Structure formats: C-alpha cells, structure tokens
Amino acid sequence: MSETKSTLKMHFVGEQVGAARKLLKMSQAELATATGLTLWTITRFERGQTVRPEAVEAVREALLERGIEFLNGGAPGVRLRRKDQED
C-alpha cells in the first residue's frame, strides 16, 4: 500500500495499536505473526515502552494492510477504512 510521506512520518502510540487490533478482532499473537515480530515486542509497544523503529514500521504496515487508518491530532486514534475508500 502506498502512503504519502506525511502519513509515513505520523507518530502513533501503543494505545492506537491495541485499539486497532480490537477493531480487527486480532490478538497480540496474531499481530506478532503478521509482522514477524515477537509477542514480547508487540506487548512492549502497546505498553508504551521503546521498540526499534523497524518494529514500529512493521506494525504500521500490517495494520494499514488490514484496513486501519491512524488519526493524529489532539486525541490520536484509529478507525477502519470504509470499503468505498479502498484502492
């Protein structure tokens, strides 16, 4: 999926990852498998602990591929992309 540079630079936090997983009905273990990361890395990220930038990118890509949109602003959040917005 092609993203604009501004989207690629978007900061997102562990709470957004947890919310995105819940929207997708996805477990931490399933996200770990989808990203090639360990369950411990996913858990650390969702708890707000530091993870490698490559891990953050892998999580972002996996969730974007499944229809998640990350929202920035005063109250960062997530939402599922509407079907009519898909490429």
Protein backbone atom coordinates (compact mmCIF):
# COMPACT_ATOMS: atom_id res chain seq x y z
CA MET A 1 0.00 0.00 0.00
CA SER A 2 1.39 3.36 -0.97
CA GLU A 3 1.30 6.05 1.70
CA THR A 4 2.22 9.71 1.48
CA LYS A 5 5.38 10.88 3.21
CA SER A 6 3.32 12.81 5.76
CA THR A 7 1.50 9.60 6.72
CA LEU A 8 4.76 7.67 6.93
CA LYS A 9 6.10 10.21 9.39
CA MET A 10 2.96 10.11 11.53
CA HIS A 11 3.63 9.29 15.15
CA PHE A 12 1.41 6.65 16.65
CA VAL A 13 1.35 5.10 20.10
CA GLY A 14 0.78 1.72 21.68
CA GLU A 15 -2.78 2.53 22.67
CA GLN A 16 -3.61 3.02 19.00
CA VAL A 17 -2.12 -0.38 18.18
CA GLY A 18 -4.25 -2.03 20.86
CA ALA A 19 -7.36 -0.23 19.62
CA ALA A 20 -6.60 -1.18 16.02
CA ARG A 21 -6.20 -4.84 16.99
CA LYS A 22 -9.53 -4.75 18.78
CA LEU A 23 -11.25 -3.25 15.73
CA LEU A 24 -9.79 -6.09 13.67
CA LYS A 25 -10.57 -8.71 16.34
CA MET A 26 -6.88 -9.60 16.27
CA SER A 27 -4.84 -10.92 19.19
CA GLN A 28 -1.36 -9.74 20.08
CA ALA A 29 -0.08 -13.16 18.99
CA GLU A 30 -1.78 -12.80 15.60
CA LEU A 31 -0.23 -9.35 15.13
CA ALA A 32 3.16 -10.73 16.10
CA THR A 33 2.81 -13.46 13.46
CA ALA A 34 1.62 -10.96 10.84
CA THR A 35 4.60 -8.69 11.45
CA GLY A 36 7.30 -11.29 12.03
CA LEU A 37 7.93 -9.77 15.47
CA THR A 38 7.84 -11.45 18.84
CA LEU A 39 4.81 -11.34 21.10
CA TRP A 40 7.03 -9.59 23.65
CA THR A 41 7.76 -6.77 21.17
CA ILE A 42 4.05 -6.24 20.49
CA THR A 43 3.31 -6.23 24.23
CA ARG A 44 6.13 -3.74 24.92
CA PHE A 45 4.92 -1.42 22.17
CA GLU A 46 1.32 -1.46 23.39
CA ARG A 47 2.53 -0.71 26.94
CA GLY A 48 4.30 2.40 25.66
CA GLN A 49 7.80 1.00 26.00
CA THR A 50 10.52 1.64 23.44
CA VAL A 51 10.79 -0.68 20.44
CA ARG A 52 13.02 -0.47 17.37
CA PRO A 53 11.86 1.85 14.56
CA GLU A 54 11.80 -1.19 12.23
CA ALA A 55 9.30 -2.87 14.58
CA VAL A 56 7.09 0.23 14.60
CA GLU A 57 7.12 0.27 10.81
CA ALA A 58 6.25 -3.44 10.62
CA VAL A 59 3.26 -2.92 12.92
CA ARG A 60 2.11 0.14 10.98
CA GLU A 61 2.32 -1.70 7.65
CA ALA A 62 0.49 -4.78 8.93
CA LEU A 63 -2.38 -2.72 10.33
CA LEU A 64 -2.63 -0.48 7.25
CA GLU A 65 -2.84 -3.57 5.04
CA ARG A 66 -5.80 -4.76 7.11
CA GLY A 67 -7.73 -1.51 6.70
CA ILE A 68 -6.70 0.56 9.70
CA GLU A 69 -6.28 4.32 9.41
CA PHE A 70 -4.25 6.12 12.06
CA LEU A 71 -5.55 9.51 13.15
CA ASN A 72 -3.31 12.21 14.57
CA GLY A 73 -4.24 15.38 16.31
CA GLY A 74 -5.16 16.35 19.83
CA ALA A 75 -6.56 12.91 20.52
CA PRO A 76 -4.81 10.27 18.38
CA GLY A 77 -6.99 7.36 17.37
CA VAL A 78 -7.72 4.71 14.77
CA ARG A 79 -10.59 3.74 12.52
CA LEU A 80 -11.35 1.13 9.91
CA ARG A 81 -11.14 2.37 6.34
CA ARG A 82 -14.53 2.37 4.67
CA LYS A 83 -14.91 -0.13 1.84
CA ASP A 84 -15.59 2.65 -0.69
CA GLN A 85 -12.23 4.28 0.21
CA GLU A 86 -10.16 1.25 -0.71
CA ASP A 87 -7.88 1.39 -3.77
